[in-house]
Protein backbone atom coordinates (compact mmCIF):
# COMPACT_ATOMS: atom_id res chain seq x y z
CA MET A 1 0.00 0.00 0.00
CA ARG A 2 2.80 2.39 0.96
CA MET A 3 4.70 1.45 -2.27
CA ARG A 4 1.68 2.19 -4.45
CA SER A 5 1.30 5.54 -2.71
CA LYS A 6 4.93 6.43 -3.43
CA GLU A 7 4.59 5.35 -7.03
CA GLY A 8 1.49 7.52 -7.36
CA ILE A 9 3.24 10.73 -6.23
CA PRO A 10 4.89 11.49 -9.60
CA VAL A 11 1.56 10.88 -11.32
CA LEU A 12 -0.20 13.24 -8.90
CA ILE A 13 2.48 15.93 -9.37
CA LEU A 14 2.28 15.55 -13.14
CA THR A 15 -1.51 15.85 -12.98
CA ILE A 16 -1.29 19.02 -10.90
CA VAL A 17 1.27 20.52 -13.29
CA VAL A 18 -0.92 19.69 -16.29
CA VAL A 19 -3.97 21.24 -14.62
CA PHE A 20 -2.11 24.43 -13.71
CA TYR A 21 -0.59 24.60 -17.19
CA ALA A 22 -4.04 24.22 -18.75
CA LEU A 23 -5.44 26.97 -16.53
CA ALA A 24 -2.52 29.24 -17.30
CA THR A 25 -2.82 28.52 -21.01
CA ALA A 26 -6.54 29.21 -20.90
CA GLY A 27 -5.91 32.47 -19.06
CA SER A 28 -3.25 33.47 -21.57
CA ALA A 29 -5.53 32.58 -24.45
CA ALA A 30 -8.33 34.63 -22.93
CA SER A 31 -5.92 37.51 -22.38
CA ALA A 32 -4.59 37.22 -25.93
CA GLU A 33 -8.13 37.15 -27.27
CA LYS A 34 -8.95 40.24 -25.22
CA ASP A 35 -5.81 42.01 -26.42
CA THR A 36 -6.87 41.56 -30.03
CA GLY A 37 -10.30 43.08 -29.43
CA PRO A 38 -11.23 46.75 -29.73
CA ILE A 39 -9.67 49.35 -27.44
CA LYS A 40 -12.40 51.31 -25.72
CA LEU A 41 -11.98 55.06 -25.26
CA GLY A 42 -14.60 56.85 -23.17
CA TRP A 43 -15.62 60.49 -23.63
CA ILE A 44 -17.53 62.48 -20.99
CA GLY A 45 -18.64 66.07 -21.43
CA ASN A 46 -21.49 68.55 -21.59
CA GLY A 47 -23.04 68.04 -25.01
CA GLY A 48 -24.85 71.37 -24.75
CA PHE A 49 -21.65 73.39 -24.29
CA ILE A 50 -20.01 74.34 -27.60
CA VAL A 51 -16.43 73.96 -26.33
CA HIS A 52 -17.12 70.49 -24.93
CA LYS A 53 -19.10 69.35 -27.96
CA ASP A 54 -16.26 70.32 -30.28
CA THR A 55 -13.90 68.05 -28.36
CA LEU A 56 -16.23 65.16 -29.16
CA PHE A 57 -16.11 65.94 -32.88
CA ALA A 58 -12.31 66.20 -32.79
CA ALA A 59 -12.02 62.93 -30.84
CA ARG A 60 -14.28 61.19 -33.36
CA MET A 61 -12.14 62.50 -36.19
CA ALA A 62 -8.91 61.29 -34.58
CA VAL A 63 -10.42 57.87 -33.83
CA ASP A 64 -11.54 57.53 -37.45
CA GLU A 65 -8.06 58.47 -38.69
CA VAL A 66 -6.39 55.98 -36.36
CA ASN A 67 -8.72 53.18 -37.44
CA GLN A 68 -8.25 54.00 -41.13
CA SER A 69 -4.51 53.68 -40.68
CA GLY A 70 -4.75 50.24 -39.07
CA GLY A 71 -5.77 51.02 -35.52
CA ILE A 72 -3.44 50.62 -32.55
CA LEU A 73 -1.28 47.51 -32.87
CA GLY A 74 -3.92 46.20 -35.25
CA ARG A 75 -6.74 46.77 -32.76
CA ARG A 76 -9.69 48.99 -33.59
CA LEU A 77 -10.32 52.06 -31.40
CA VAL A 78 -13.92 52.52 -30.25
CA LEU A 79 -15.25 55.78 -28.79
CA LEU A 80 -17.96 55.49 -26.13
CA GLU A 81 -19.76 58.77 -25.43
CA GLU A 82 -21.47 60.00 -22.26
CA ASP A 83 -23.19 63.39 -21.84
CA ASP A 84 -23.01 64.61 -18.24
CA LYS A 85 -25.13 67.75 -18.93
CA GLY A 86 -22.53 69.78 -17.07
CA GLN A 87 -23.53 68.20 -13.74
CA VAL A 88 -20.95 66.76 -11.33
CA PRO A 89 -23.09 63.77 -10.12
CA GLN A 90 -23.87 62.76 -13.70
CA GLY A 91 -20.23 63.11 -14.64
CA VAL A 92 -19.15 60.83 -11.80
CA ALA A 93 -21.85 58.28 -12.67
CA ALA A 94 -20.75 58.30 -16.31
CA TYR A 95 -17.11 57.81 -15.28
CA LYS A 96 -17.91 54.78 -13.14
CA LYS A 97 -20.12 53.31 -15.84
CA LEU A 98 -17.42 53.58 -18.50
CA VAL A 99 -14.70 52.12 -16.29
CA MET A 100 -16.63 49.42 -14.43
CA SER A 101 -19.38 48.38 -16.83
CA GLU A 102 -17.96 49.19 -20.25
CA GLY A 103 -14.36 48.20 -19.49
CA CYS A 104 -12.81 51.46 -20.67
CA LYS A 105 -9.13 51.74 -19.80
CA LEU A 106 -8.83 55.19 -21.38
CA LEU A 107 -11.03 58.24 -20.81
CA LEU A 108 -11.28 61.76 -22.24
CA LEU A 109 -12.90 64.21 -19.83
CA ALA A 110 -14.25 67.34 -21.53
CA GLU A 111 -15.35 68.62 -18.15
CA GLY A 112 -14.96 71.63 -15.91
CA THR A 113 -12.59 71.63 -12.97
CA ASP A 114 -15.21 70.62 -10.38
CA THR A 115 -16.24 67.48 -12.29
CA SER A 116 -12.65 66.61 -13.17
CA LEU A 117 -11.64 66.85 -9.51
CA ALA A 118 -14.56 64.60 -8.52
CA ASN A 119 -13.61 62.06 -11.18
CA GLN A 120 -9.98 62.24 -10.16
CA GLU A 121 -11.11 60.93 -6.77
CA SER A 122 -13.43 58.35 -8.34
CA GLY A 123 -10.61 57.10 -10.53
CA ALA A 124 -8.25 56.83 -7.59
CA GLU A 125 -10.75 54.59 -5.80
CA LEU A 126 -11.25 52.41 -8.88
CA TYR A 127 -7.69 52.21 -10.14
CA LYS A 128 -6.47 49.22 -8.14
CA GLU A 129 -9.31 46.97 -9.33
CA TYR A 130 -9.86 48.72 -12.66
CA PRO A 131 -6.53 50.09 -13.96
CA HIS A 132 -7.17 52.95 -16.38
CA ILE A 133 -5.84 56.33 -17.50
CA SER A 134 -7.81 59.58 -17.66
CA PHE A 135 -7.11 62.77 -19.59
CA THR A 136 -8.92 65.93 -18.62
CA ILE A 137 -9.09 68.10 -21.71
CA GLY A 138 -11.49 70.67 -20.31
CA SER A 139 -10.23 71.97 -17.00
CA ALA A 140 -7.54 74.50 -16.10
CA GLY A 141 -7.74 74.43 -12.29
CA ALA A 142 -4.34 74.15 -10.62
CA ASP A 143 -5.57 71.80 -7.88
CA ILE A 144 -5.78 68.90 -10.35
CA THR A 145 -2.08 68.66 -11.07
CA GLN A 146 -1.01 69.76 -7.60
CA LYS A 147 -2.70 66.63 -6.26
CA ILE A 148 -0.70 64.49 -8.67
CA ALA A 149 2.55 66.11 -7.53
CA ASP A 150 1.63 65.74 -3.84
CA ASN A 151 0.45 62.11 -4.05
CA TYR A 152 1.80 60.59 -7.25
CA SER A 153 1.11 56.97 -6.31
CA LYS A 154 -2.59 57.74 -5.84
CA TYR A 155 -3.18 59.99 -8.85
CA LYS A 156 -0.56 58.83 -11.36
CA PHE A 157 -3.31 57.68 -13.75
CA PHE A 158 -4.57 61.26 -14.26
CA PHE A 159 -3.25 63.57 -17.00
CA ARG A 160 -4.28 67.01 -18.23
CA THR A 161 -4.05 67.51 -22.01
CA HIS A 162 -5.03 71.12 -21.50
CA HIS A 163 -3.30 74.24 -20.27
CA ILE A 164 -3.16 75.04 -16.57
CA VAL A 165 -4.27 78.51 -15.49
CA ILE A 166 -1.08 79.05 -13.47
CA ASN A 167 2.51 79.47 -14.69
CA ALA A 168 2.96 79.57 -18.46
CA ASN A 169 -0.70 80.26 -19.17
CA MET A 170 -0.95 83.30 -16.87
CA ASP A 171 2.37 84.54 -18.19
CA LEU A 172 1.24 84.19 -21.79
CA ILE A 173 -2.16 85.82 -21.26
CA SER A 174 -0.65 88.71 -19.31
CA ASP A 175 2.00 89.08 -22.03
CA PHE A 176 -0.76 89.08 -24.65
CA VAL A 177 -2.67 91.89 -22.93
CA THR A 178 0.47 93.84 -22.02
CA ASP A 179 2.08 93.61 -25.46
CA ILE A 180 -1.07 94.77 -27.29
CA MET A 181 -1.62 97.65 -24.89
CA LYS A 182 1.95 98.91 -24.79
CA LYS A 183 2.41 98.67 -28.56
CA ASN A 184 -0.66 100.85 -28.97
CA GLY A 185 0.20 103.40 -26.28
CA MET A 186 -2.26 102.16 -23.65
CA LYS A 187 -1.60 101.72 -19.94
CA LYS A 188 -4.89 101.80 -17.96
CA VAL A 189 -6.58 98.42 -17.89
CA ALA A 190 -9.89 97.10 -16.53
CA HIS A 191 -10.00 93.40 -15.73
CA ILE A 192 -13.07 91.14 -15.37
CA GLU A 193 -12.99 87.54 -14.16
CA GLU A 194 -15.72 85.01 -13.54
CA ASP A 195 -16.28 83.36 -10.18
CA ALA A 196 -15.39 79.76 -11.07
CA SER A 197 -13.10 77.09 -9.69
CA TRP A 198 -10.92 76.87 -12.79
CA ASN A 199 -9.51 80.38 -12.35
CA LYS A 200 -9.47 80.64 -8.56
CA ALA A 201 -5.68 81.03 -8.57
CA SER A 202 -5.98 83.75 -11.18
CA ARG A 203 -8.37 85.70 -8.95
CA GLU A 204 -6.70 85.08 -5.62
CA GLY A 205 -3.12 84.13 -6.43
CA GLY A 206 -1.34 81.07 -5.10
CA TYR A 207 1.27 78.47 -6.06
CA GLY A 208 3.92 81.17 -5.92
CA ARG A 209 2.01 83.53 -8.22
CA PRO A 210 0.15 86.79 -7.52
CA PRO A 211 -3.42 87.38 -8.73
CA PHE A 212 -3.65 88.08 -12.45
CA LYS A 213 -4.48 91.76 -11.97
CA ASP A 214 -1.26 92.14 -9.97
CA MET A 215 0.70 90.46 -12.73
CA LEU A 216 -0.59 93.12 -15.12
CA LYS A 217 0.61 95.78 -12.67
CA GLN A 218 4.03 94.13 -12.38
CA LYS A 219 4.34 94.31 -16.16
CA GLY A 220 3.85 98.05 -16.17
CA LEU A 221 0.11 98.44 -16.62
CA ASP A 222 -2.23 100.43 -14.39
CA PRO A 223 -5.26 98.34 -13.28
CA VAL A 224 -7.95 100.99 -12.78
CA TYR A 225 -10.89 98.61 -12.41
CA TYR A 226 -11.32 95.01 -11.24
CA GLY A 227 -14.56 93.04 -11.12
CA VAL A 228 -15.74 89.47 -10.57
CA VAL A 229 -18.92 88.21 -12.24
CA SER A 230 -21.07 85.15 -11.64
CA ILE A 231 -21.20 82.64 -14.47
CA GLN A 232 -25.01 83.03 -14.36
CA GLU A 233 -24.79 86.80 -14.80
CA LYS A 234 -26.74 88.26 -17.74
CA MET A 235 -26.60 91.99 -17.00
CA PHE A 236 -23.18 93.52 -17.60
CA LEU A 237 -24.13 97.12 -18.40
CA PRO A 238 -23.52 98.37 -14.82
CA ILE A 239 -20.00 96.90 -14.96
CA PHE A 240 -19.27 98.63 -18.25
CA GLU A 241 -20.55 101.90 -16.80
CA LYS A 242 -17.99 101.59 -14.00
CA ILE A 243 -15.25 100.67 -16.45
CA ALA A 244 -16.00 103.71 -18.60
CA ALA A 245 -15.90 105.94 -15.52
CA SER A 246 -12.57 104.42 -14.43
CA GLY A 247 -10.70 105.85 -17.40
CA ALA A 248 -9.67 102.40 -18.64
CA GLU A 249 -8.12 102.24 -22.10
CA PHE A 250 -8.44 98.47 -22.50
CA ILE A 251 -10.67 95.73 -21.04
CA SER A 252 -9.24 92.31 -20.21
CA THR A 253 -11.52 89.37 -19.38
CA GLN A 254 -11.01 85.81 -18.15
CA CYS A 255 -14.38 84.11 -18.48
CA ALA A 256 -14.92 80.55 -19.75
CA TYR A 257 -18.46 79.73 -18.63
CA THR A 258 -20.02 83.20 -18.63
CA ASP A 259 -22.31 83.90 -21.61
CA MET A 260 -19.76 85.84 -23.59
CA ALA A 261 -22.09 86.47 -26.52
CA VAL A 262 -24.37 88.41 -24.16
CA LEU A 263 -21.43 90.18 -22.52
CA THR A 264 -20.02 91.18 -25.92
CA LYS A 265 -23.32 92.50 -27.23
CA GLN A 266 -23.79 94.59 -24.10
CA TRP A 267 -20.23 95.91 -24.32
CA ALA A 268 -20.91 97.08 -27.89
CA VAL A 269 -23.81 99.33 -26.77
CA SER A 270 -22.47 100.35 -23.38
CA ALA A 271 -20.67 103.44 -22.16
CA ALA A 272 -17.47 101.42 -22.65
CA LYS A 273 -18.12 100.60 -26.31
CA ASP A 274 -15.11 102.63 -27.46
CA ILE A 275 -12.73 100.76 -25.15
CA PRO A 276 -11.14 97.68 -26.81
CA ILE A 277 -12.01 94.39 -25.13
CA CYS A 278 -9.97 91.19 -24.94
CA LEU A 279 -11.88 87.91 -24.60
CA THR A 280 -9.47 85.27 -23.27
CA ALA A 281 -10.82 81.81 -22.39
CA ALA A 282 -14.21 82.99 -23.70
CA SER A 283 -16.27 80.07 -24.96
CA GLY A 284 -16.49 80.11 -28.74
CA SER A 285 -15.41 83.75 -29.12
CA ASN A 286 -12.60 82.56 -31.39
CA LEU A 287 -14.99 80.87 -33.86
CA PHE A 288 -16.33 82.41 -37.06
CA SER A 289 -19.82 81.53 -35.76
CA PHE A 290 -19.38 84.04 -32.91
CA TRP A 291 -19.97 86.88 -35.39
CA GLY A 292 -23.50 85.63 -35.98
CA ARG A 293 -24.09 84.87 -32.31
CA THR A 294 -23.29 88.50 -31.47
CA ASN A 295 -24.80 90.03 -34.63
CA GLY A 296 -21.38 91.48 -35.41
CA ALA A 297 -21.05 93.16 -32.00
CA CYS A 298 -17.70 91.40 -31.55
CA LEU A 299 -16.08 93.72 -34.11
CA GLY A 300 -12.78 94.90 -32.65
CA ALA A 301 -12.66 92.31 -29.86
CA VAL A 302 -9.28 90.72 -29.28
CA ILE A 303 -9.42 86.95 -28.88
CA SER A 304 -7.17 84.01 -28.11
CA SER A 305 -6.66 81.16 -30.62
CA PRO A 306 -8.59 82.62 -33.60
CA GLU A 307 -10.06 80.09 -36.01
CA GLY A 308 -8.30 81.41 -39.12
CA ASP A 309 -6.27 79.20 -41.47
CA PHE A 310 -2.81 79.77 -40.05
CA PRO A 311 -0.17 77.18 -41.05
CA LEU A 312 1.39 77.00 -37.61
CA THR A 313 2.56 73.41 -38.23
CA GLY A 314 2.21 70.90 -41.02
CA LYS A 315 -0.94 69.48 -39.41
CA THR A 316 -2.81 72.71 -38.64
CA LEU A 317 -4.55 73.24 -41.98
CA PRO A 318 -5.50 69.57 -42.55
CA PHE A 319 -6.96 69.48 -39.03
CA LEU A 320 -9.06 72.61 -39.64
CA LYS A 321 -10.19 71.46 -43.08
CA ASN A 322 -11.24 67.99 -41.93
CA LEU A 323 -13.04 69.25 -38.82
CA ARG A 324 -15.08 71.71 -40.87
CA GLU A 325 -15.85 69.30 -43.68
CA LYS A 326 -16.79 66.34 -41.49
CA TYR A 327 -18.62 68.10 -38.67
CA GLY A 328 -19.32 71.62 -39.88
CA VAL A 329 -17.55 73.23 -36.94
CA GLY A 330 -14.47 75.33 -36.40
CA PRO A 331 -11.98 74.45 -33.69
CA THR A 332 -12.12 75.73 -30.17
CA TRP A 333 -8.76 75.40 -28.43
CA MET A 334 -10.05 72.29 -26.64
CA SER A 335 -10.91 70.44 -29.86
CA ALA A 336 -7.21 70.33 -30.74
CA TYR A 337 -6.44 69.04 -27.22
CA ALA A 338 -8.89 66.16 -27.71
CA TYR A 339 -7.47 65.34 -31.13
CA GLU A 340 -3.89 65.35 -29.85
CA THR A 341 -4.78 63.17 -26.86
CA VAL A 342 -5.91 60.32 -29.10
CA TYR A 343 -2.53 60.35 -30.83
CA MET A 344 -0.64 60.55 -27.51
CA ILE A 345 -2.57 57.45 -26.43
CA LYS A 346 -1.70 55.65 -29.67
CA ARG A 347 2.01 56.41 -29.33
CA ALA A 348 2.16 55.30 -25.70
CA ILE A 349 0.36 52.00 -26.28
CA GLU A 350 2.48 51.18 -29.30
CA LYS A 351 5.66 52.00 -27.38
CA VAL A 352 4.92 49.42 -24.66
CA LYS A 353 3.21 46.94 -27.01
CA GLY A 354 -0.24 46.97 -25.44
CA LEU A 355 -2.40 47.85 -22.46
CA GLN A 356 -1.52 44.86 -20.28
CA ASP A 357 0.80 46.95 -18.07
CA MET A 358 -0.92 50.24 -17.27
CA GLU A 359 2.06 51.45 -15.26
CA ALA A 360 4.21 51.10 -18.38
CA VAL A 361 1.70 53.10 -20.42
CA ILE A 362 1.79 55.86 -17.80
CA LYS A 363 5.58 55.97 -17.97
CA ALA A 364 5.43 56.09 -21.76
CA LEU A 365 3.08 59.08 -21.59
CA GLU A 366 5.36 60.83 -19.09
CA SER A 367 8.45 60.41 -21.25
CA GLY A 368 6.87 60.68 -24.69
CA GLU A 369 6.06 63.67 -26.84
CA ILE A 370 4.69 64.63 -30.25
CA PRO A 371 7.05 66.78 -32.35
CA ARG A 372 5.84 70.19 -33.53
CA GLU A 373 5.30 69.21 -37.17
CA GLU A 374 3.23 66.19 -36.17
CA SER A 375 0.77 68.13 -34.00
CA VAL A 376 -1.79 70.85 -34.65
CA TYR A 377 -0.44 73.79 -32.65
CA GLY A 378 2.99 72.79 -31.38
CA ARG A 379 5.13 70.21 -29.58
CA ILE A 380 3.19 68.04 -27.13
CA LYS A 381 4.89 67.34 -23.82
CA PHE A 382 3.67 66.80 -20.26
CA GLY A 383 5.23 68.61 -17.30
CA ASN A 384 6.99 66.43 -14.75
CA GLN A 385 7.02 68.36 -11.48
CA GLY A 386 4.97 70.60 -9.19
CA ILE A 387 1.69 71.98 -10.46
CA GLU A 388 2.78 71.23 -14.03
CA MET A 389 2.87 67.50 -13.24
CA HIS A 390 1.09 65.60 -16.03
CA SER A 391 -0.11 68.93 -17.51
CA LEU A 392 0.37 70.09 -21.10
CA LYS A 393 3.32 72.46 -21.41
CA LEU A 394 2.71 75.80 -23.12
CA GLY A 395 5.02 78.33 -24.71
CA PRO A 396 7.07 78.98 -27.86
CA ASP A 397 9.03 75.73 -27.43
CA TYR A 398 5.91 73.66 -26.80
CA TYR A 399 2.22 74.19 -27.49
CA LEU A 400 1.73 77.62 -29.06
CA SER A 401 -0.43 80.37 -27.63
CA PHE A 402 -1.54 83.03 -30.09
CA GLY A 403 -4.09 85.82 -30.41
CA GLY A 404 -6.13 87.62 -33.05
CA GLN A 405 -8.73 90.35 -33.46
CA TRP A 406 -12.21 90.45 -34.92
CA GLN A 407 -11.72 92.83 -37.86
CA GLY A 408 -14.86 91.89 -39.76
CA LYS A 409 -17.11 88.96 -40.67
CA ASP A 410 -14.96 85.83 -41.16
CA ASN A 411 -11.92 88.02 -40.55
CA MET A 412 -9.80 87.23 -37.49
CA PRO A 413 -6.16 87.88 -38.42
CA LEU A 414 -3.32 86.74 -36.22
CA ILE A 415 -1.90 89.75 -34.34
CA TRP A 416 0.17 88.21 -31.50
CA PRO A 417 2.92 87.19 -30.77
CA PHE A 418 4.18 89.89 -33.08
CA ASP A 419 6.99 87.85 -34.67
CA LEU A 420 4.69 84.87 -35.28
CA ALA A 421 1.95 87.14 -36.66
CA GLU A 422 4.37 88.80 -39.08
CA ARG A 423 5.57 85.41 -40.32
CA ILE A 424 2.14 83.77 -40.60
CA ASP A 425 -0.13 86.74 -41.37
CA PRO A 426 2.18 89.49 -42.74
CA GLY A 427 1.07 93.09 -42.34
CA LYS A 428 -1.75 92.28 -39.92
CA LYS A 429 -1.92 94.11 -36.61
CA PHE A 430 -4.29 95.36 -33.92
CA LEU A 431 -6.61 98.05 -35.30
CA PRO A 432 -8.45 100.73 -33.27
CA LEU A 433 -12.23 100.41 -32.95
CA SER A 434 -12.82 103.72 -34.72
CA GLN A 435 -10.92 102.50 -37.78
CA LEU A 436 -12.68 99.13 -37.84
CA ARG A 437 -16.12 100.73 -37.60
CA LYS A 438 -15.37 102.97 -40.56
CA MET A 439 -14.17 99.96 -42.56
CA ASP A 440 -17.26 97.97 -41.58
CA LYS A 441 -19.53 100.65 -43.03
């Protein structure tokens, strides 16, 4: 009996090995089968908000292009879309649905800062059981990337393919306003900001930076009026009365969610109508459609990222042409961010040969970049420290920031930076309101 038992041990061991090998092989086969299936990319945003909706069109376009060129490692890319109606609870519910129920390992968040912060926490809770990577393409709040820098292990899955309101962005916007004013002999500035979470640091300062109005003062301007408006505000005439009485020569605004079409139309009939206005971050003010939305009241307004056909890189004009032809829309600045994110994802996955190791994909995103000529508006690179951690880098060496002016219907020439404007749009410059109004007649 004891001899038979000893003789049976090798058979038992062999049986166990065979069983484990079969299980492992089955698991590998299932994994291989899964790795040859479609790659799911989730999109969440407010479908009723023009800037968010445009990111969806741009993401669709990029996904189509990727699939037409063979997909990612031969796998088809599928875009799953969720409309959160601009509400934080719905955004969080959509996030959990895409990750847990739909099996999305990649998400594009065309959301405001509040919803992105909430989903940053949701993702951190889910990550261990559901490894995934999120890209916020719609929020500029500094808290998002500060959290990544402070607790990398918890938030390493979260990236921002969007500018951050602090550092390079505030420098560039203040340079934009300052350069235009000084070149045209102006010094007294009025500044309006909306009361929203995305630009809290701009209003109050922080992260080693003063409030935006103080930055303008440091650069030699004289802030003679400062006001904060609610994003629900619809009556701006009293503000413009105060601005006119302040002696301001130029009006600077930082409003993303305020109804800028209403604000612009009221500016054009207010006591401040002869004072040039700059609409930075203003939703859709850079689109040709804004002329119709304001009935031409935007004439003379200075804007960031005008829609015009400027060959900033080899991909700019094809991007603009395809977006208009396929979806009938011009690009907001966020549409390019969404488009670029899809290609950043493609490069990272191909670099590490798949999505099996999410940590490796994260490292590939951190170290990777898209060269200037292969992107729409400049070189794509994520910051790697402090509040720039995992945030899109801006500036002449990276993603370009540029400005224009409404000089007529379908006419938004590039006017800043001056050297770029002269190269891309020769002879174009900021024009006084009085001159533009005569030309418009």
